[in-house]
Amino acid sequence: MLLSEWLRQYPNALRRVGVRALEDAKRAGIPVHYMEPLYGGDIIREFPDGRRERIVAGEDGAVVPIPPRC
């Protein structure tokens, strides 16, 4: 099975993997990086204290603070 097929068939499993990775990173005291559809192709950096930043690809990697998760 291709990864893209697996992702379509098991979106909840992928979400759980992402949540667990975020929790593990917070416990380790390191930020996580991911992409979020709301912000297009930009990378989101989330810190253990909940702060988040958007790394804007089209602006030479400018860093813009964004709201924490609700």
C-alpha atoms as a PDB file:
ATOM      1  CA  MET A   1       0.000   0.000   0.000  1.00  0.00           C
ATOM      2  CA  LEU A   2       1.318   3.435  -0.893  1.00  0.00           C
ATOM      3  CA  LEU A   3       1.745   5.964   1.887  1.00  0.00           C
ATOM      4  CA  SER A   4      -0.787   8.305   0.274  1.00  0.00           C
ATOM      5  CA  GLU A   5      -3.393   5.505   0.263  1.00  0.00           C
ATOM      6  CA  TRP A   6      -2.667   4.698   3.898  1.00  0.00           C
ATOM      7  CA  LEU A   7      -3.067   8.363   4.870  1.00  0.00           C
ATOM      8  CA  ARG A   8      -6.481   8.549   3.173  1.00  0.00           C
ATOM      9  CA  GLN A   9      -7.677   5.341   4.800  1.00  0.00           C
ATOM     10  CA  TYR A  10      -6.343   6.007   8.299  1.00  0.00           C
ATOM     11  CA  PRO A  11      -6.406   9.775   8.995  1.00  0.00           C
ATOM     12  CA  ASN A  12      -7.150   9.269  12.700  1.00  0.00           C
ATOM     13  CA  ALA A  13      -4.096   7.064  13.115  1.00  0.00           C
ATOM     14  CA  LEU A  14      -1.933   9.753  11.532  1.00  0.00           C
ATOM     15  CA  ARG A  15      -3.455  12.377  13.842  1.00  0.00           C
ATOM     16  CA  ARG A  16      -2.654  10.223  16.897  1.00  0.00           C
ATOM     17  CA  VAL A  17       0.949   9.812  15.739  1.00  0.00           C
ATOM     18  CA  GLY A  18       1.253  13.594  15.392  1.00  0.00           C
ATOM     19  CA  VAL A  19      -0.253  14.256  18.822  1.00  0.00           C
ATOM     20  CA  ARG A  20       2.076  11.734  20.424  1.00  0.00           C
ATOM     21  CA  ALA A  21       5.115  13.246  18.689  1.00  0.00           C
ATOM     22  CA  LEU A  22       4.107  16.695  19.959  1.00  0.00           C
ATOM     23  CA  GLU A  23       3.687  15.384  23.517  1.00  0.00           C
ATOM     24  CA  ASP A  24       7.055  13.571  23.386  1.00  0.00           C
ATOM     25  CA  ALA A  25       8.811  16.706  22.119  1.00  0.00           C
ATOM     26  CA  LYS A  26       7.247  18.843  24.863  1.00  0.00           C
ATOM     27  CA  ARG A  27       8.466  16.409  27.518  1.00  0.00           C
ATOM     28  CA  ALA A  28      11.938  16.498  25.958  1.00  0.00           C
ATOM     29  CA  GLY A  29      11.886  20.321  25.916  1.00  0.00           C
ATOM     30  CA  ILE A  30      12.371  20.674  22.165  1.00  0.00           C
ATOM     31  CA  PRO A  31      10.251  22.414  19.529  1.00  0.00           C
ATOM     32  CA  VAL A  32       8.395  20.517  16.825  1.00  0.00           C
ATOM     33  CA  HIS A  33       8.062  21.549  13.207  1.00  0.00           C
ATOM     34  CA  TYR A  34       5.112  20.710  10.989  1.00  0.00           C
ATOM     35  CA  MET A  35       2.933  22.011   8.200  1.00  0.00           C
ATOM     36  CA  GLU A  36      -0.637  23.074   8.816  1.00  0.00           C
ATOM     37  CA  PRO A  37      -3.172  23.543   5.968  1.00  0.00           C
ATOM     38  CA  LEU A  38      -4.355  26.846   7.441  1.00  0.00           C
ATOM     39  CA  TYR A  39      -0.932  28.355   6.697  1.00  0.00           C
ATOM     40  CA  GLY A  40      -0.405  26.924   3.218  1.00  0.00           C
ATOM     41  CA  GLY A  41       3.045  25.510   2.598  1.00  0.00           C
ATOM     42  CA  ASP A  42       4.707  27.333   5.473  1.00  0.00           C
ATOM     43  CA  ILE A  43       6.350  25.512   8.365  1.00  0.00           C
ATOM     44  CA  ILE A  44       5.006  25.915  11.886  1.00  0.00           C
ATOM     45  CA  ARG A  45       7.407  25.717  14.821  1.00  0.00           C
ATOM     46  CA  GLU A  46       5.748  24.949  18.160  1.00  0.00           C
ATOM     47  CA  PHE A  47       7.683  25.334  21.396  1.00  0.00           C
ATOM     48  CA  PRO A  48       7.158  23.306  24.587  1.00  0.00           C
ATOM     49  CA  ASP A  49       5.588  26.338  26.308  1.00  0.00           C
ATOM     50  CA  GLY A  50       2.877  26.521  23.606  1.00  0.00           C
ATOM     51  CA  ARG A  51       4.262  29.452  21.597  1.00  0.00           C
ATOM     52  CA  ARG A  52       4.051  28.974  17.846  1.00  0.00           C
ATOM     53  CA  GLU A  53       5.796  30.617  14.918  1.00  0.00           C
ATOM     54  CA  ARG A  54       5.183  30.522  11.198  1.00  0.00           C
ATOM     55  CA  ILE A  55       8.281  30.297   9.017  1.00  0.00           C
ATOM     56  CA  VAL A  56       7.179  32.044   5.829  1.00  0.00           C
ATOM     57  CA  ALA A  57       8.715  30.382   2.785  1.00  0.00           C
ATOM     58  CA  GLY A  58       7.930  33.216   0.370  1.00  0.00           C
ATOM     59  CA  GLU A  59       9.665  35.812   2.543  1.00  0.00           C
ATOM     60  CA  ASP A  60      13.124  34.234   2.833  1.00  0.00           C
ATOM     61  CA  GLY A  61      12.183  32.356   5.984  1.00  0.00           C
ATOM     62  CA  ALA A  62      10.755  35.281   7.926  1.00  0.00           C
ATOM     63  CA  VAL A  63       9.474  34.188  11.331  1.00  0.00           C
ATOM     64  CA  VAL A  64       6.012  35.442  12.348  1.00  0.00           C
ATOM     65  CA  PRO A  65       4.395  34.681  15.724  1.00  0.00           C
ATOM     66  CA  ILE A  66       0.996  32.955  15.451  1.00  0.00           C
ATOM     67  CA  PRO A  67      -1.623  32.120  18.113  1.00  0.00           C
ATOM     68  CA  PRO A  68      -1.143  29.009  20.256  1.00  0.00           C
ATOM     69  CA  ARG A  69      -3.429  26.033  19.802  1.00  0.00           C
ATOM     70  CA  CYS A  70      -6.809  26.285  21.500  1.00  0.00           C
END
